Amino acid sequence: MKRRLIVLSTLLSLIGHFAITEAAMRHARQRSRTALCETTYEERDLGPNSVPRFVQEARCDGHCLSGVGQCAPVLSSDHIYRMDANQKIDRKNFVRRQRAVACVCMVPRTFLTGK
């Protein structure tokens, strides 16, 4: 029984070491990457009667890939609910709103295909 515990303990420590090593390697790979587009995030106040009241929006600036591409927003559609006079969320009263959540580098198709 004692031998099984030692083997199990050794096995668990190896698995833990692998997980830590893998996480460290993944972190190092992510640090060596660079973003193609300069992205800034702003918090927008939609008003005291809106749920959610605050949303984050991405702002995309400039060109990418040495001027070949243009930074463009990735849009997401949200439901913004309104509160009624009793400060309760009226699920029937909402507005669908699009907001930029990230930025991507868009290049002309001719750049990729050569045509």
N, C-alpha and C. Protein backbone atom coordinates (compact mmCIF):
# COMPACT_ATOMS: atom_id res chain seq x y z
N MET A 1 0.82 -1.19 0.00
CA MET A 1 0.00 0.00 0.00
C MET A 1 0.86 1.25 0.00
N LYS A 2 1.97 1.22 0.78
CA LYS A 2 2.85 2.38 0.87
C LYS A 2 3.50 2.65 -0.49
N ARG A 3 3.87 1.57 -1.19
CA ARG A 3 4.49 1.73 -2.50
C ARG A 3 3.53 2.39 -3.49
N ARG A 4 2.25 2.04 -3.45
CA ARG A 4 1.25 2.65 -4.33
C ARG A 4 1.13 4.15 -4.06
N LEU A 5 1.17 4.54 -2.80
CA LEU A 5 1.09 5.95 -2.46
C LEU A 5 2.29 6.72 -3.00
N ILE A 6 3.46 6.12 -2.92
CA ILE A 6 4.67 6.78 -3.43
C ILE A 6 4.57 6.94 -4.94
N VAL A 7 4.14 5.89 -5.64
CA VAL A 7 3.99 5.96 -7.10
C VAL A 7 2.95 7.00 -7.47
N LEU A 8 1.82 7.00 -6.78
CA LEU A 8 0.78 7.98 -7.05
C LEU A 8 1.28 9.39 -6.78
N SER A 9 1.99 9.58 -5.68
CA SER A 9 2.55 10.88 -5.36
C SER A 9 3.52 11.35 -6.42
N THR A 10 4.38 10.45 -6.89
CA THR A 10 5.35 10.79 -7.94
C THR A 10 4.62 11.15 -9.24
N LEU A 11 3.61 10.36 -9.58
CA LEU A 11 2.84 10.61 -10.79
C LEU A 11 2.15 11.97 -10.72
N LEU A 12 1.54 12.28 -9.58
CA LEU A 12 0.87 13.57 -9.44
C LEU A 12 1.86 14.73 -9.52
N SER A 13 3.04 14.57 -8.95
CA SER A 13 4.02 15.65 -9.02
C SER A 13 4.50 15.84 -10.45
N LEU A 14 4.63 14.76 -11.23
CA LEU A 14 5.02 14.89 -12.63
C LEU A 14 3.95 15.59 -13.44
N ILE A 15 2.70 15.23 -13.20
CA ILE A 15 1.59 15.87 -13.91
C ILE A 15 1.54 17.35 -13.55
N GLY A 16 1.71 17.66 -12.28
CA GLY A 16 1.72 19.05 -11.85
C GLY A 16 2.86 19.81 -12.49
N HIS A 17 4.05 19.19 -12.57
CA HIS A 17 5.20 19.82 -13.20
C HIS A 17 4.92 20.08 -14.68
N PHE A 18 4.29 19.12 -15.35
CA PHE A 18 3.96 19.28 -16.76
C PHE A 18 3.00 20.45 -16.95
N ALA A 19 1.98 20.52 -16.09
CA ALA A 19 0.99 21.60 -16.21
C ALA A 19 1.64 22.96 -16.00
N ILE A 20 2.53 23.06 -15.02
CA ILE A 20 3.21 24.32 -14.77
C ILE A 20 4.12 24.68 -15.94
N THR A 21 4.84 23.70 -16.45
CA THR A 21 5.74 23.94 -17.58
C THR A 21 4.95 24.35 -18.81
N GLU A 22 3.85 23.66 -19.07
CA GLU A 22 3.02 23.99 -20.22
C GLU A 22 2.46 25.41 -20.09
N ALA A 23 2.01 25.78 -18.90
CA ALA A 23 1.48 27.14 -18.68
C ALA A 23 2.58 28.18 -18.89
N ALA A 24 3.78 27.89 -18.42
CA ALA A 24 4.89 28.83 -18.60
C ALA A 24 5.24 28.98 -20.08
N MET A 25 5.22 27.88 -20.81
CA MET A 25 5.52 27.95 -22.24
C MET A 25 4.44 28.72 -22.99
N ARG A 26 3.18 28.49 -22.64
CA ARG A 26 2.07 29.20 -23.28
C ARG A 26 2.18 30.70 -23.02
N HIS A 27 2.52 31.04 -21.79
CA HIS A 27 2.68 32.45 -21.43
C HIS A 27 3.83 33.09 -22.23
N ALA A 28 4.92 32.38 -22.39
CA ALA A 28 6.06 32.90 -23.15
C ALA A 28 5.69 33.10 -24.62
N ARG A 29 4.92 32.17 -25.18
CA ARG A 29 4.49 32.32 -26.58
C ARG A 29 3.60 33.54 -26.73
N GLN A 30 2.69 33.76 -25.80
CA GLN A 30 1.79 34.91 -25.88
C GLN A 30 2.55 36.22 -25.75
N ARG A 31 3.58 36.24 -24.92
CA ARG A 31 4.36 37.46 -24.74
C ARG A 31 5.13 37.80 -26.00
N SER A 32 5.49 36.82 -26.83
CA SER A 32 6.26 37.09 -28.03
C SER A 32 5.38 37.54 -29.19
N ARG A 33 4.07 37.50 -29.04
CA ARG A 33 3.16 37.95 -30.09
C ARG A 33 2.93 39.45 -29.96
N THR A 34 2.60 40.04 -31.08
CA THR A 34 2.30 41.47 -31.07
C THR A 34 0.94 41.69 -31.72
N ALA A 35 0.22 42.65 -31.23
CA ALA A 35 -1.09 42.97 -31.80
C ALA A 35 -0.89 43.70 -33.12
N LEU A 36 -1.72 43.39 -34.09
CA LEU A 36 -1.62 44.06 -35.39
C LEU A 36 -2.28 45.43 -35.37
N CYS A 37 -3.29 45.59 -34.54
CA CYS A 37 -4.01 46.85 -34.48
C CYS A 37 -3.92 47.48 -33.10
N GLU A 38 -3.75 48.76 -33.07
CA GLU A 38 -3.75 49.50 -31.81
C GLU A 38 -5.21 49.62 -31.36
N THR A 39 -5.52 49.07 -30.20
CA THR A 39 -6.89 49.08 -29.69
C THR A 39 -6.93 49.75 -28.33
N THR A 40 -7.86 50.67 -28.18
CA THR A 40 -8.10 51.27 -26.88
C THR A 40 -9.53 50.96 -26.48
N TYR A 41 -9.76 50.83 -25.18
CA TYR A 41 -11.09 50.50 -24.68
C TYR A 41 -11.61 51.66 -23.84
N GLU A 42 -12.86 52.01 -24.09
CA GLU A 42 -13.52 53.08 -23.35
C GLU A 42 -14.77 52.53 -22.68
N GLU A 43 -15.04 53.02 -21.49
CA GLU A 43 -16.26 52.64 -20.80
C GLU A 43 -17.31 53.70 -21.09
N ARG A 44 -18.45 53.27 -21.60
CA ARG A 44 -19.52 54.20 -21.96
C ARG A 44 -20.67 54.06 -20.97
N ASP A 45 -21.17 55.19 -20.48
CA ASP A 45 -22.31 55.23 -19.56
C ASP A 45 -23.57 55.38 -20.39
N LEU A 46 -24.46 54.40 -20.32
CA LEU A 46 -25.70 54.43 -21.09
C LEU A 46 -26.85 55.09 -20.35
N GLY A 47 -26.60 55.54 -19.12
CA GLY A 47 -27.62 56.23 -18.35
C GLY A 47 -28.11 55.42 -17.17
N PRO A 48 -28.67 56.11 -16.17
CA PRO A 48 -29.08 55.43 -14.94
C PRO A 48 -30.25 54.46 -15.10
N ASN A 49 -31.03 54.58 -16.15
CA ASN A 49 -32.17 53.68 -16.36
C ASN A 49 -31.86 52.54 -17.31
N SER A 50 -30.60 52.37 -17.68
CA SER A 50 -30.21 51.32 -18.62
C SER A 50 -29.58 50.15 -17.87
N VAL A 51 -29.84 48.95 -18.37
CA VAL A 51 -29.25 47.74 -17.82
C VAL A 51 -28.69 46.96 -18.99
N PRO A 52 -27.39 46.77 -19.10
CA PRO A 52 -26.36 47.29 -18.19
C PRO A 52 -26.17 48.79 -18.38
N ARG A 53 -25.72 49.42 -17.33
CA ARG A 53 -25.51 50.87 -17.41
C ARG A 53 -24.20 51.20 -18.11
N PHE A 54 -23.15 50.43 -17.82
CA PHE A 54 -21.84 50.68 -18.40
C PHE A 54 -21.46 49.54 -19.35
N VAL A 55 -20.92 49.90 -20.50
CA VAL A 55 -20.39 48.92 -21.45
C VAL A 55 -19.02 49.38 -21.91
N GLN A 56 -18.17 48.42 -22.23
CA GLN A 56 -16.86 48.74 -22.77
C GLN A 56 -16.91 48.67 -24.28
N GLU A 57 -16.31 49.66 -24.92
CA GLU A 57 -16.26 49.69 -26.37
C GLU A 57 -14.81 49.81 -26.83
N ALA A 58 -14.49 49.11 -27.90
CA ALA A 58 -13.15 49.16 -28.48
C ALA A 58 -13.08 50.29 -29.50
N ARG A 59 -11.95 50.96 -29.54
CA ARG A 59 -11.67 51.98 -30.55
C ARG A 59 -10.47 51.50 -31.36
N CYS A 60 -10.64 51.46 -32.67
CA CYS A 60 -9.59 50.98 -33.55
C CYS A 60 -8.93 52.17 -34.24
N ASP A 61 -7.61 52.18 -34.23
CA ASP A 61 -6.89 53.30 -34.80
C ASP A 61 -5.89 52.83 -35.84
N GLY A 62 -5.93 53.45 -36.99
CA GLY A 62 -4.85 53.36 -37.95
C GLY A 62 -4.79 52.16 -38.86
N HIS A 63 -3.60 52.02 -39.40
CA HIS A 63 -3.31 50.98 -40.37
C HIS A 63 -2.54 49.85 -39.69
N CYS A 64 -2.44 48.75 -40.40
CA CYS A 64 -1.69 47.61 -39.89
C CYS A 64 -0.87 47.00 -41.03
N LEU A 65 0.05 46.13 -40.69
CA LEU A 65 0.92 45.47 -41.66
C LEU A 65 1.62 46.48 -42.57
N SER A 66 2.24 47.45 -41.94
CA SER A 66 3.02 48.48 -42.64
C SER A 66 2.18 49.26 -43.65
N GLY A 67 0.93 49.50 -43.30
CA GLY A 67 0.06 50.31 -44.15
C GLY A 67 -0.71 49.54 -45.19
N VAL A 68 -0.48 48.23 -45.31
CA VAL A 68 -1.21 47.41 -46.29
C VAL A 68 -2.66 47.23 -45.85
N GLY A 69 -2.88 47.04 -44.56
CA GLY A 69 -4.23 46.79 -44.05
C GLY A 69 -4.79 47.96 -43.28
N GLN A 70 -6.07 47.88 -42.98
CA GLN A 70 -6.77 48.89 -42.21
C GLN A 70 -7.40 48.21 -40.99
N CYS A 71 -7.25 48.81 -39.82
CA CYS A 71 -7.85 48.26 -38.60
C CYS A 71 -9.35 48.51 -38.62
N ALA A 72 -10.12 47.47 -38.34
CA ALA A 72 -11.58 47.57 -38.37
C ALA A 72 -12.17 46.94 -37.11
N PRO A 73 -13.31 47.45 -36.65
CA PRO A 73 -13.92 46.90 -35.43
C PRO A 73 -14.64 45.58 -35.68
N VAL A 74 -14.64 44.74 -34.65
CA VAL A 74 -15.47 43.53 -34.62
C VAL A 74 -16.69 43.91 -33.80
N LEU A 75 -17.87 43.80 -34.38
CA LEU A 75 -19.09 44.26 -33.74
C LEU A 75 -19.83 43.13 -33.04
N SER A 76 -20.47 43.48 -31.93
CA SER A 76 -21.31 42.55 -31.18
C SER A 76 -22.65 43.24 -30.92
N SER A 77 -23.71 42.47 -30.98
CA SER A 77 -25.05 43.03 -30.75
C SER A 77 -25.47 42.77 -29.30
N ASP A 78 -25.90 43.82 -28.61
CA ASP A 78 -26.32 43.72 -27.21
C ASP A 78 -27.78 44.15 -27.08
N HIS A 79 -28.44 43.61 -26.06
CA HIS A 79 -29.76 44.11 -25.67
C HIS A 79 -29.56 45.05 -24.49
N ILE A 80 -30.05 46.24 -24.60
CA ILE A 80 -30.01 47.21 -23.51
C ILE A 80 -31.44 47.36 -23.00
N TYR A 81 -31.65 46.97 -21.74
CA TYR A 81 -32.98 47.03 -21.15
C TYR A 81 -33.17 48.35 -20.41
N ARG A 82 -34.41 48.75 -20.29
CA ARG A 82 -34.76 49.96 -19.56
C ARG A 82 -35.50 49.59 -18.28
N MET A 83 -35.27 50.40 -17.24
CA MET A 83 -36.00 50.20 -15.99
C MET A 83 -37.27 51.03 -16.00
N ASP A 84 -38.32 50.48 -15.42
CA ASP A 84 -39.58 51.22 -15.35
C ASP A 84 -39.57 52.16 -14.14
N ALA A 85 -40.69 52.79 -13.86
CA ALA A 85 -40.80 53.77 -12.77
C ALA A 85 -40.53 53.14 -11.40
N ASN A 86 -40.75 51.83 -11.25
CA ASN A 86 -40.52 51.13 -9.98
C ASN A 86 -39.09 50.60 -9.87
N GLN A 87 -38.21 51.01 -10.77
CA GLN A 87 -36.81 50.56 -10.80
C GLN A 87 -36.70 49.05 -11.02
N LYS A 88 -37.62 48.50 -11.79
CA LYS A 88 -37.57 47.09 -12.18
C LYS A 88 -37.27 47.03 -13.67
N ILE A 89 -36.56 45.99 -14.05
CA ILE A 89 -36.20 45.83 -15.46
C ILE A 89 -37.43 45.40 -16.25
N ASP A 90 -37.73 46.18 -17.27
CA ASP A 90 -38.84 45.85 -18.16
C ASP A 90 -38.27 45.04 -19.33
N ARG A 91 -38.47 43.73 -19.30
CA ARG A 91 -37.86 42.86 -20.31
C ARG A 91 -38.46 43.05 -21.70
N LYS A 92 -39.60 43.68 -21.77
CA LYS A 92 -40.22 43.94 -23.07
C LYS A 92 -39.71 45.23 -23.69
N ASN A 93 -39.13 46.08 -22.88
CA ASN A 93 -38.65 47.37 -23.35
C ASN A 93 -37.12 47.33 -23.46
N PHE A 94 -36.62 46.98 -24.63
CA PHE A 94 -35.17 46.94 -24.83
C PHE A 94 -34.82 47.52 -26.19
N VAL A 95 -33.57 47.88 -26.30
CA VAL A 95 -33.02 48.39 -27.55
C VAL A 95 -31.87 47.48 -27.94
N ARG A 96 -31.83 47.08 -29.18
CA ARG A 96 -30.70 46.29 -29.67
C ARG A 96 -29.64 47.29 -30.14
N ARG A 97 -28.42 47.11 -29.64
CA ARG A 97 -27.36 48.07 -29.91
C ARG A 97 -26.09 47.32 -30.29
N GLN A 98 -25.39 47.82 -31.28
CA GLN A 98 -24.12 47.22 -31.67
C GLN A 98 -22.98 48.02 -31.06
N ARG A 99 -21.94 47.28 -30.65
CA ARG A 99 -20.75 47.94 -30.12
C ARG A 99 -19.52 47.19 -30.59
N ALA A 100 -18.42 47.91 -30.70
CA ALA A 100 -17.15 47.30 -31.09
C ALA A 100 -16.55 46.62 -29.87
N VAL A 101 -16.17 45.36 -30.01
CA VAL A 101 -15.59 44.61 -28.90
C VAL A 101 -14.11 44.30 -29.10
N ALA A 102 -13.61 44.44 -30.32
CA ALA A 102 -12.20 44.17 -30.61
C ALA A 102 -11.87 44.80 -31.96
N CYS A 103 -10.60 44.73 -32.33
CA CYS A 103 -10.15 45.26 -33.62
C CYS A 103 -9.38 44.18 -34.36
N VAL A 104 -9.57 44.14 -35.68
CA VAL A 104 -8.84 43.19 -36.52
C VAL A 104 -8.22 43.94 -37.69
N CYS A 105 -7.18 43.34 -38.23
CA CYS A 105 -6.48 43.91 -39.39
C CYS A 105 -7.14 43.36 -40.65
N MET A 106 -7.69 44.25 -41.47
CA MET A 106 -8.34 43.86 -42.72
C MET A 106 -7.39 44.24 -43.86
N VAL A 107 -7.12 43.26 -44.73
CA VAL A 107 -6.24 43.52 -45.88
C VAL A 107 -7.02 43.29 -47.16
N PRO A 108 -6.64 43.97 -48.23
CA PRO A 108 -7.32 43.74 -49.52
C PRO A 108 -7.12 42.30 -49.99
N ARG A 109 -8.12 41.76 -50.64
CA ARG A 109 -8.05 40.37 -51.12
C ARG A 109 -6.88 40.21 -52.10
N THR A 110 -6.59 41.25 -52.86
CA THR A 110 -5.49 41.18 -53.82
C THR A 110 -4.15 40.97 -53.14
N PHE A 111 -4.02 41.46 -51.89
CA PHE A 111 -2.78 41.26 -51.14
C PHE A 111 -2.56 39.79 -50.83
N LEU A 112 -3.63 39.07 -50.55
CA LEU A 112 -3.53 37.66 -50.20
C LEU A 112 -3.44 36.75 -51.42
N THR A 113 -4.18 37.08 -52.47
CA THR A 113 -4.25 36.19 -53.64
C THR A 113 -3.29 36.59 -54.74
N GLY A 114 -2.86 37.86 -54.75
CA GLY A 114 -1.99 38.33 -55.82
C GLY A 114 -2.73 38.66 -57.09
N LYS A 115 -4.07 38.62 -57.06
CA LYS A 115 -4.88 38.91 -58.26
C LYS A 115 -5.55 40.25 -58.15
